[in-house]
Amino acid sequence: MRPGALLFLAAACAAPASPATGGPVRVVTLSTVLTEIAGEVGGAEVSVSGLVRPGVDPHMFNPSPADIRMLVDADLVLASGLSLEPYLDRVVAGSAPKGRIVEVGDRVPLVLAASGRSGAGQRDPHWWHSIGNVIFAVDLVRSELAGLRPESSGVFAANAGRYRRRLEALQSWASREVEKLPPGRRILVTSHDAFGYLAHDYGFTVRPISGLSTESEADARHLAGLADFVRAERVKAVFVENSASPRLVESLLEETGARLGGTLYADGLGPAGSGADDYASMYRHNLSAIVDALAP
């Protein structure tokens, strides 16, 4: 448990068990994927405020004073967890949040260790790249909302069921899409260590340039070793990410002769009009770009 979580639990015990009936449940999210989940499951029963906007790098995000006020006043705060939001400890320790804070990644069924590049003992916070984890998150959010507003539990269950069926259809599509790519071609070289969950689900090897955060930097020795790997394995394409600098990818392409496979959305949904502005379109964009670029 986080050190600040004990302070939050004490405050939560003194808070009302549920938000006032009549108005929407106030949900604040710290992830674009969780913004979508909360809206889909809650429907008209919730008011969702996403503090991390589409296209914004969550690794670089720090809440403003206005953001903190919204977070403290919320009935439910949904965070990615797995240490992606280190500022949460400061917020909890310095205030008395009125509602529940749920770090979803700490509760999903599949939690992976980071790659060797990211350092031993670190957990990969990019859990939403496993569709199975997102399905779990949908049910978790349903349960949390039902606990806050029991009289609307049937509405939340129906909404969650519809959304879950769409995610299951996405899973079926993804399995068929990956079958187009021979196992020996399933080597994914990307800007930073963000696709371990997708790789786990579909048998890819991931070789990131940088570590878990877009703030991390690759050293010259690692880059030289990665270039040798790309040449030795005849990796056709390397991928840049929308929230990371393309500089090191461009350098790797020049040194190895590999081509740019496209832009992937690693840290959340893209902005409106990007073709990745909801979870299903983001996942389809990423997986289709990978398969198309690496296919024989």
Protein backbone atom coordinates (compact mmCIF):
# COMPACT_ATOMS: atom_id res chain seq x y z
CA MET A 1 0.00 0.00 0.00
CA ARG A 2 1.22 3.53 -0.74
CA PRO A 3 2.49 5.46 2.29
CA GLY A 4 -0.10 8.17 1.69
CA ALA A 5 -2.89 5.66 1.28
CA LEU A 6 -3.34 5.31 5.05
CA LEU A 7 -4.07 9.01 5.29
CA PHE A 8 -6.60 8.67 2.52
CA LEU A 9 -8.29 5.70 4.14
CA ALA A 10 -8.70 7.62 7.39
CA ALA A 11 -10.30 10.48 5.52
CA ALA A 12 -12.49 8.10 3.53
CA CYS A 13 -13.82 6.51 6.69
CA ALA A 14 -15.07 9.90 7.85
CA ALA A 15 -16.62 10.70 4.46
CA PRO A 16 -20.20 9.88 3.41
CA ALA A 17 -20.60 6.37 2.01
CA SER A 18 -22.06 7.61 -1.29
CA PRO A 19 -22.46 10.85 -3.24
CA ALA A 20 -25.64 12.83 -2.89
CA THR A 21 -28.54 11.29 -4.80
CA GLY A 22 -29.84 13.40 -7.66
CA GLY A 23 -26.63 14.71 -9.19
CA PRO A 24 -24.14 12.72 -11.22
CA VAL A 25 -21.33 10.83 -9.53
CA ARG A 26 -18.24 13.01 -9.88
CA VAL A 27 -15.41 10.96 -11.39
CA VAL A 28 -11.92 12.30 -12.01
CA THR A 29 -9.56 10.26 -14.16
CA LEU A 30 -5.79 10.38 -14.65
CA SER A 31 -5.75 8.29 -17.82
CA THR A 32 -7.46 8.78 -21.16
CA VAL A 33 -8.35 5.08 -21.26
CA LEU A 34 -9.98 5.33 -17.84
CA THR A 35 -11.84 8.46 -18.97
CA GLU A 36 -13.43 6.38 -21.70
CA ILE A 37 -14.19 3.45 -19.39
CA ALA A 38 -15.81 5.69 -16.75
CA GLY A 39 -17.96 7.40 -19.37
CA GLU A 40 -19.03 4.16 -21.02
CA VAL A 41 -19.90 2.41 -17.77
CA GLY A 42 -21.35 5.40 -15.94
CA GLY A 43 -23.30 6.92 -18.80
CA ALA A 44 -25.67 9.70 -17.71
CA GLU A 45 -25.17 8.75 -14.05
CA VAL A 46 -21.64 10.18 -13.94
CA SER A 47 -19.78 13.38 -14.66
CA VAL A 48 -16.27 12.49 -15.83
CA SER A 49 -13.36 14.95 -15.74
CA GLY A 50 -10.22 13.67 -17.43
CA LEU A 51 -7.22 15.59 -16.10
CA VAL A 52 -4.83 13.93 -18.56
CA ARG A 53 -6.02 14.96 -22.01
CA PRO A 54 -5.75 12.90 -25.20
CA GLY A 55 -2.30 13.24 -26.72
CA VAL A 56 -0.73 14.35 -23.42
CA ASP A 57 2.18 12.27 -22.11
CA PRO A 58 1.12 10.93 -18.67
CA HIS A 59 4.78 10.44 -17.71
CA MET A 60 5.25 14.23 -17.91
CA PHE A 61 1.92 15.27 -16.35
CA ASN A 62 1.74 17.17 -13.08
CA PRO A 63 -1.64 18.39 -11.82
CA SER A 64 -2.28 22.10 -11.49
CA PRO A 65 -3.85 23.56 -8.31
CA ALA A 66 -7.21 23.53 -10.12
CA ASP A 67 -6.69 19.86 -11.03
CA ILE A 68 -5.91 19.03 -7.41
CA ARG A 69 -9.10 20.74 -6.24
CA MET A 70 -11.11 18.63 -8.69
CA LEU A 71 -9.34 15.49 -7.53
CA VAL A 72 -9.93 16.26 -3.85
CA ASP A 73 -13.63 17.01 -4.41
CA ALA A 74 -14.35 13.95 -6.57
CA ASP A 75 -16.50 11.04 -5.46
CA LEU A 76 -14.16 8.65 -7.30
CA VAL A 77 -10.64 9.10 -8.69
CA LEU A 78 -9.39 6.55 -11.23
CA ALA A 79 -5.62 6.39 -11.67
CA SER A 80 -3.49 4.16 -13.88
CA GLY A 81 -1.46 3.04 -10.88
CA LEU A 82 1.75 0.99 -10.96
CA SER A 83 3.64 4.19 -10.04
CA LEU A 84 2.65 6.08 -13.19
CA GLU A 85 1.26 8.92 -11.04
CA PRO A 86 3.91 9.61 -8.36
CA TYR A 87 2.24 12.93 -7.52
CA LEU A 88 -0.72 11.08 -5.97
CA ASP A 89 1.23 10.52 -2.76
CA ARG A 90 1.77 14.26 -2.41
CA VAL A 91 -1.88 15.06 -3.11
CA VAL A 92 -3.14 12.51 -0.60
CA ALA A 93 -0.63 13.52 2.05
CA GLY A 94 -1.35 17.23 1.65
CA SER A 95 -5.15 17.13 1.54
CA ALA A 96 -8.17 15.12 2.60
CA PRO A 97 -9.77 13.62 -0.54
CA LYS A 98 -13.53 13.28 -0.18
CA GLY A 99 -13.91 10.16 -2.29
CA ARG A 100 -12.20 6.93 -3.22
CA ILE A 101 -8.90 6.74 -5.10
CA VAL A 102 -8.56 3.55 -7.13
CA GLU A 103 -5.22 2.75 -8.76
CA VAL A 104 -6.54 0.39 -11.40
CA GLY A 105 -3.21 -1.01 -12.56
CA ASP A 106 -2.45 -2.27 -9.07
CA ARG A 107 -5.50 -4.54 -9.32
CA VAL A 108 -5.54 -5.84 -12.91
CA PRO A 109 -4.86 -9.58 -13.33
CA LEU A 110 -1.81 -9.21 -15.59
CA VAL A 111 1.02 -7.07 -14.18
CA LEU A 112 4.34 -7.46 -15.97
CA ALA A 113 7.85 -6.65 -14.93
CA ALA A 114 9.59 -4.09 -17.07
CA SER A 115 12.06 -5.26 -19.70
CA GLY A 116 15.70 -5.60 -18.73
CA ARG A 117 16.30 -2.21 -20.29
CA SER A 118 14.07 -0.55 -17.68
CA GLY A 119 15.74 -1.94 -14.57
CA ALA A 120 15.08 -4.86 -12.28
CA GLY A 121 12.05 -4.75 -10.03
CA GLN A 122 10.08 -2.12 -11.93
CA ARG A 123 6.51 -2.88 -12.94
CA ASP A 124 5.25 -1.90 -16.37
CA PRO A 125 2.39 0.63 -15.92
CA HIS A 126 1.08 0.39 -19.51
CA TRP A 127 -1.47 -2.28 -18.54
CA TRP A 128 -4.15 -1.13 -21.03
CA HIS A 129 -2.23 -2.69 -23.94
CA SER A 130 -3.72 -6.00 -22.79
CA ILE A 131 -7.39 -6.06 -23.77
CA GLY A 132 -7.99 -8.58 -21.00
CA ASN A 133 -6.81 -6.01 -18.45
CA VAL A 134 -9.19 -3.42 -19.89
CA ILE A 135 -12.10 -5.85 -19.63
CA PHE A 136 -11.17 -6.34 -15.98
CA ALA A 137 -11.00 -2.55 -15.51
CA VAL A 138 -14.51 -2.18 -16.91
CA ASP A 139 -15.88 -4.54 -14.27
CA LEU A 140 -13.83 -2.85 -11.55
CA VAL A 141 -15.23 0.57 -12.48
CA ARG A 142 -18.74 -0.89 -12.59
CA SER A 143 -18.27 -2.26 -9.08
CA GLU A 144 -16.89 1.03 -7.75
CA LEU A 145 -19.76 3.05 -9.23
CA ALA A 146 -22.34 0.59 -7.95
CA GLY A 147 -20.86 0.92 -4.47
CA LEU A 148 -21.21 4.69 -4.64
CA ARG A 149 -24.72 4.60 -6.12
CA PRO A 150 -26.38 1.23 -5.45
CA GLU A 151 -29.72 2.35 -6.87
CA SER A 152 -28.07 2.65 -10.32
CA SER A 153 -26.21 -0.66 -10.21
CA GLY A 154 -28.44 -2.15 -12.92
CA VAL A 155 -27.66 0.73 -15.26
CA PHE A 156 -23.94 0.35 -14.64
CA ALA A 157 -24.13 -3.40 -15.22
CA ALA A 158 -25.97 -2.98 -18.53
CA ASN A 159 -23.53 -0.31 -19.74
CA ALA A 160 -20.53 -2.42 -18.71
CA GLY A 161 -21.96 -5.46 -20.49
CA ARG A 162 -22.34 -3.59 -23.77
CA TYR A 163 -18.83 -2.19 -23.56
CA ARG A 164 -17.37 -5.56 -22.59
CA ARG A 165 -18.90 -7.20 -25.68
CA ARG A 166 -17.20 -4.59 -27.88
CA LEU A 167 -13.88 -5.33 -26.18
CA GLU A 168 -14.33 -9.07 -26.65
CA ALA A 169 -14.97 -8.45 -30.36
CA LEU A 170 -11.75 -6.41 -30.43
CA GLN A 171 -9.90 -9.35 -28.84
CA SER A 172 -11.18 -11.69 -31.55
CA TRP A 173 -10.09 -9.26 -34.27
CA ALA A 174 -6.63 -8.86 -32.71
CA SER A 175 -6.05 -12.61 -32.61
CA ARG A 176 -6.91 -12.88 -36.32
CA GLU A 177 -4.76 -9.86 -37.19
CA VAL A 178 -1.64 -11.21 -35.47
CA GLU A 179 -2.00 -14.54 -37.29
CA LYS A 180 -0.98 -12.67 -40.46
CA LEU A 181 2.49 -12.25 -38.98
CA PRO A 182 4.81 -15.29 -38.70
CA PRO A 183 6.18 -15.79 -35.17
CA GLY A 184 9.72 -15.11 -36.36
CA ARG A 185 8.67 -11.63 -37.48
CA ARG A 186 7.16 -10.65 -34.16
CA ILE A 187 9.97 -8.36 -33.03
CA LEU A 188 8.88 -4.94 -31.85
CA VAL A 189 11.44 -2.12 -31.61
CA THR A 190 9.86 1.04 -30.21
CA SER A 191 10.73 4.38 -28.64
CA HIS A 192 10.20 3.32 -25.03
CA ASP A 193 9.20 0.28 -23.01
CA ALA A 194 5.41 0.53 -23.35
CA PHE A 195 4.19 -2.51 -25.29
CA GLY A 196 5.08 -5.39 -23.00
CA TYR A 197 1.43 -6.33 -22.45
CA LEU A 198 0.63 -6.50 -26.15
CA ALA A 199 3.82 -8.49 -26.64
CA HIS A 200 2.85 -10.92 -23.85
CA ASP A 201 -0.61 -11.49 -25.31
CA TYR A 202 0.55 -12.13 -28.89
CA GLY A 203 4.05 -13.56 -28.68
CA PHE A 204 6.19 -10.56 -29.60
CA THR A 205 9.72 -9.82 -28.47
CA VAL A 206 10.05 -6.17 -27.44
CA ARG A 207 13.32 -4.27 -27.69
CA PRO A 208 12.72 -0.65 -26.60
CA ILE A 209 15.14 2.20 -27.17
CA SER A 210 14.39 3.81 -23.79
CA GLY A 211 12.91 2.62 -20.49
CA LEU A 212 9.42 2.71 -19.02
CA SER A 213 9.14 6.50 -19.12
CA THR A 214 9.45 8.81 -22.10
CA GLU A 215 11.70 10.87 -19.82
CA SER A 216 14.35 8.14 -19.71
CA GLU A 217 17.37 8.36 -22.00
CA ALA A 218 19.17 5.56 -23.79
CA ASP A 219 22.96 5.45 -23.48
CA ALA A 220 25.34 4.98 -26.39
CA ARG A 221 26.18 1.40 -25.42
CA HIS A 222 22.52 0.36 -25.41
CA LEU A 223 21.90 2.06 -28.76
CA ALA A 224 24.89 0.32 -30.33
CA GLY A 225 23.71 -3.05 -29.04
CA LEU A 226 20.19 -2.42 -30.30
CA ALA A 227 21.51 -1.48 -33.75
CA ASP A 228 23.47 -4.74 -33.84
CA PHE A 229 20.31 -6.64 -32.86
CA VAL A 230 18.20 -4.98 -35.58
CA ARG A 231 20.78 -5.85 -38.23
CA ALA A 232 21.33 -9.40 -36.97
CA GLU A 233 17.60 -10.18 -36.80
CA ARG A 234 16.87 -8.32 -40.03
CA VAL A 235 14.13 -6.32 -38.34
CA LYS A 236 12.26 -4.60 -41.14
CA ALA A 237 10.76 -1.68 -39.25
CA VAL A 238 11.14 0.40 -36.12
CA PHE A 239 8.29 2.36 -34.54
CA VAL A 240 8.11 5.85 -33.13
CA GLU A 241 5.48 6.90 -30.59
CA ASN A 242 3.25 9.94 -30.59
CA SER A 243 4.37 11.06 -27.11
CA ALA A 244 8.12 10.44 -27.53
CA SER A 245 10.85 12.30 -29.38
CA PRO A 246 11.62 10.69 -32.76
CA ARG A 247 15.31 11.64 -32.58
CA LEU A 248 16.70 8.29 -31.40
CA VAL A 249 14.43 6.31 -33.73
CA GLU A 250 15.69 8.36 -36.67
CA SER A 251 19.28 7.67 -35.61
CA LEU A 252 18.59 3.94 -35.39
CA LEU A 253 17.00 3.92 -38.83
CA GLU A 254 20.02 5.66 -40.35
CA GLU A 255 22.44 3.21 -38.78
CA THR A 256 20.58 0.00 -39.59
CA GLY A 257 18.73 0.64 -42.82
CA ALA A 258 15.43 -0.39 -41.22
CA ARG A 259 12.44 1.71 -42.16
CA LEU A 260 9.97 3.65 -40.06
CA GLY A 261 7.02 1.38 -39.36
CA GLY A 262 4.70 4.19 -38.32
CA THR A 263 3.58 6.04 -35.22
CA LEU A 264 2.13 4.09 -32.30
CA TYR A 265 -0.01 5.42 -29.45
CA ALA A 266 1.76 4.09 -26.38
CA ASP A 267 0.60 6.19 -23.44
CA GLY A 268 -3.11 6.63 -24.06
CA LEU A 269 -5.64 7.79 -26.60
CA GLY A 270 -4.89 10.23 -29.39
CA PRO A 271 -6.60 13.59 -29.91
CA ALA A 272 -9.80 13.95 -31.91
CA GLY A 273 -9.27 13.20 -35.58
CA SER A 274 -6.12 11.13 -34.97
CA GLY A 275 -7.76 7.81 -35.79
CA ALA A 276 -6.86 6.68 -32.27
CA ASP A 277 -9.28 8.74 -30.21
CA ASP A 278 -11.10 5.84 -28.58
CA TYR A 279 -9.71 2.62 -27.14
CA ALA A 280 -10.77 0.30 -29.95
CA SER A 281 -9.47 2.58 -32.71
CA MET A 282 -6.20 3.13 -30.83
CA TYR A 283 -5.65 -0.60 -30.42
CA ARG A 284 -6.58 -1.33 -34.03
CA HIS A 285 -4.29 1.44 -35.27
CA ASN A 286 -1.33 0.15 -33.27
CA LEU A 287 -1.71 -3.53 -34.09
CA SER A 288 -2.47 -2.97 -37.77
CA ALA A 289 0.58 -0.69 -38.13
CA ILE A 290 2.79 -3.32 -36.47
CA VAL A 291 1.53 -6.22 -38.57
CA ASP A 292 1.60 -4.30 -41.84
CA ALA A 293 5.16 -3.02 -41.28
CA LEU A 294 6.66 -6.34 -40.14
CA ALA A 295 4.87 -8.70 -42.54
CA PRO A 296 7.05 -10.54 -45.09
